[in-house]
Amino acid sequence: MSYMRLLLALVVAAIGSNALACGCSEIPTLSEQYQSSNIVVLANLKPIGESTFEWEVIEVIKGSKPKLLENVEQGLTSCDPQLKGGQEWLLFLKENESPVLGWCSFNRNTQYLGQGWREDLADQH
C-alpha cells in the first residue's frame, strides 16, 4: 500500500509542477519578430507610482513612433516580468497596439538579450 501512495504522490507532484510552470509554445527569434512587426522601438520604463510605469521611447528602430503606449502595471504572478524604473525594453508592435509584457509577449528586456542584438536587427533593414 505504501508503494501506491508513493507512486500517487510522485504523479501528483509531476502534474502539479507542470501546471504551475510558465511556458510558451514557440518563441520567435529577434529576426522573426522584427519581420512580423510594423513598429520596433527601444523604450525605458519610468516609474509614475509604486507599481505603475510609463514608456519613454528612446529610439525608433523600425516604423514610426507609436501613437499608443499605455502605462503598464507590475503583474502579480511569478510569470510576469519584474519591472523596475530605468529598464530598457525592445518593443515589437503592430499599428495602434500597446505593448504587452509577459512571459510569452516577445517584448524583451534588453538586459536579457545576448551580445550583438543591435547588429542582428540592423541586418534586417
Protein backbone atom coordinates (compact mmCIF):
# COMPACT_ATOMS: atom_id res chain seq x y z
CA MET A 1 0.00 0.00 0.00
CA SER A 2 2.83 2.46 0.75
CA TYR A 3 4.24 1.82 -2.75
CA MET A 4 0.92 3.01 -4.26
CA ARG A 5 0.91 6.14 -2.08
CA LEU A 6 4.45 6.96 -3.14
CA LEU A 7 3.58 6.45 -6.80
CA LEU A 8 0.46 8.58 -6.46
CA ALA A 9 2.44 11.34 -4.70
CA LEU A 10 5.02 11.35 -7.50
CA VAL A 11 2.34 11.56 -10.20
CA VAL A 12 0.55 14.43 -8.42
CA ALA A 13 3.86 16.27 -7.91
CA ALA A 14 4.81 15.88 -11.58
CA ILE A 15 1.43 17.06 -12.85
CA GLY A 16 1.26 19.90 -10.35
CA SER A 17 4.71 21.24 -11.17
CA ASN A 18 3.94 21.24 -14.90
CA ALA A 19 0.65 23.03 -14.33
CA LEU A 20 2.38 25.85 -12.47
CA ALA A 21 5.29 26.31 -14.88
CA CYS A 22 5.46 29.32 -17.20
CA GLY A 23 5.96 28.38 -20.80
CA CYS A 24 5.26 29.31 -24.39
CA SER A 25 4.62 27.01 -27.31
CA GLU A 26 7.05 28.87 -29.61
CA ILE A 27 9.38 31.79 -29.11
CA PRO A 28 10.31 33.54 -32.36
CA THR A 29 13.81 34.87 -32.97
CA LEU A 30 14.52 38.60 -32.96
CA SER A 31 14.64 38.49 -36.77
CA GLU A 32 11.23 36.81 -36.99
CA GLN A 33 9.72 39.29 -34.52
CA TYR A 34 11.26 42.21 -36.42
CA GLN A 35 9.83 40.98 -39.74
CA SER A 36 6.32 40.49 -38.32
CA SER A 37 6.15 43.88 -36.56
CA ASN A 38 5.21 47.26 -38.07
CA ILE A 39 6.96 49.20 -35.31
CA VAL A 40 10.07 48.35 -33.29
CA VAL A 41 11.23 50.75 -30.59
CA LEU A 42 13.63 50.89 -27.71
CA ALA A 43 11.90 52.32 -24.65
CA ASN A 44 12.63 53.00 -20.99
CA LEU A 45 10.25 52.30 -18.13
CA LYS A 46 9.71 55.37 -15.97
CA PRO A 47 8.02 54.92 -12.59
CA ILE A 48 4.86 57.01 -12.07
CA GLY A 49 3.61 55.18 -8.99
CA GLU A 50 4.57 52.37 -6.66
CA SER A 51 3.90 49.65 -9.24
CA THR A 52 2.90 51.65 -12.33
CA PHE A 53 5.22 52.77 -15.12
CA GLU A 54 5.08 54.78 -18.32
CA TRP A 55 7.06 54.27 -21.52
CA GLU A 56 9.63 56.76 -22.78
CA VAL A 57 10.67 55.99 -26.37
CA ILE A 58 14.45 56.28 -26.69
CA GLU A 59 14.88 55.14 -30.29
CA VAL A 60 12.65 54.17 -33.21
CA ILE A 61 14.27 51.18 -34.93
CA LYS A 62 11.51 50.40 -37.44
CA GLY A 63 8.40 52.29 -38.48
CA SER A 64 7.28 55.47 -36.74
CA LYS A 65 6.97 56.47 -33.11
CA PRO A 66 3.96 54.61 -31.68
CA LYS A 67 0.83 56.65 -31.05
CA LEU A 68 -0.41 54.34 -28.33
CA LEU A 69 1.87 53.50 -25.43
CA GLU A 70 -0.30 52.92 -22.39
CA ASN A 71 1.01 52.81 -18.88
CA VAL A 72 2.00 49.39 -17.62
CA GLU A 73 1.47 47.90 -14.17
CA GLN A 74 3.57 45.30 -12.40
CA GLY A 75 1.98 41.87 -12.80
CA LEU A 76 1.15 39.77 -9.79
CA THR A 77 2.35 36.31 -10.80
CA SER A 78 5.79 34.75 -10.97
CA CYS A 79 5.32 34.51 -14.76
CA ASP A 80 5.15 38.30 -15.11
CA PRO A 81 8.41 40.20 -15.64
CA GLN A 82 9.75 42.07 -12.63
CA LEU A 83 9.54 45.72 -13.63
CA LYS A 84 11.85 48.46 -12.37
CA GLY A 85 12.30 52.09 -13.34
CA GLY A 86 15.09 52.59 -15.85
CA GLN A 87 14.75 49.19 -17.52
CA GLU A 88 15.25 49.31 -21.27
CA TRP A 89 12.82 47.24 -23.38
CA LEU A 90 12.78 46.29 -27.04
CA LEU A 91 9.12 46.53 -28.07
CA PHE A 92 7.70 44.81 -31.15
CA LEU A 93 4.35 46.35 -32.10
CA LYS A 94 1.63 46.36 -34.70
CA GLU A 95 -0.11 49.62 -35.68
CA ASN A 96 -2.30 51.03 -32.88
CA GLU A 97 -1.20 48.35 -30.44
CA SER A 98 0.03 48.95 -26.92
CA PRO A 99 2.89 46.71 -25.71
CA VAL A 100 2.09 43.66 -23.64
CA LEU A 101 4.64 42.44 -21.14
CA GLY A 102 4.53 38.86 -20.02
CA TRP A 103 6.17 35.51 -20.31
CA CYS A 104 5.01 34.97 -23.92
CA SER A 105 4.69 38.58 -25.14
CA PHE A 106 8.01 38.60 -27.07
CA ASN A 107 8.75 42.17 -25.98
CA ARG A 108 12.16 41.88 -24.40
CA ASN A 109 14.07 43.49 -21.56
CA THR A 110 17.41 44.34 -23.22
CA GLN A 111 19.23 43.21 -20.08
CA TYR A 112 18.48 39.62 -21.14
CA LEU A 113 19.32 39.93 -24.83
CA GLY A 114 22.61 38.47 -25.97
CA GLN A 115 25.54 40.42 -27.34
CA GLY A 116 25.02 41.71 -30.86
CA TRP A 117 21.23 42.09 -30.83
CA ARG A 118 21.51 45.56 -32.37
CA GLU A 119 23.61 44.23 -35.23
CA ASP A 120 21.12 41.40 -35.79
CA LEU A 121 18.31 43.94 -36.15
CA ALA A 122 20.42 46.28 -38.32
CA ASP A 123 20.90 43.38 -40.76
CA GLN A 124 17.10 43.28 -41.20
CA HIS A 125 16.86 46.79 -42.72
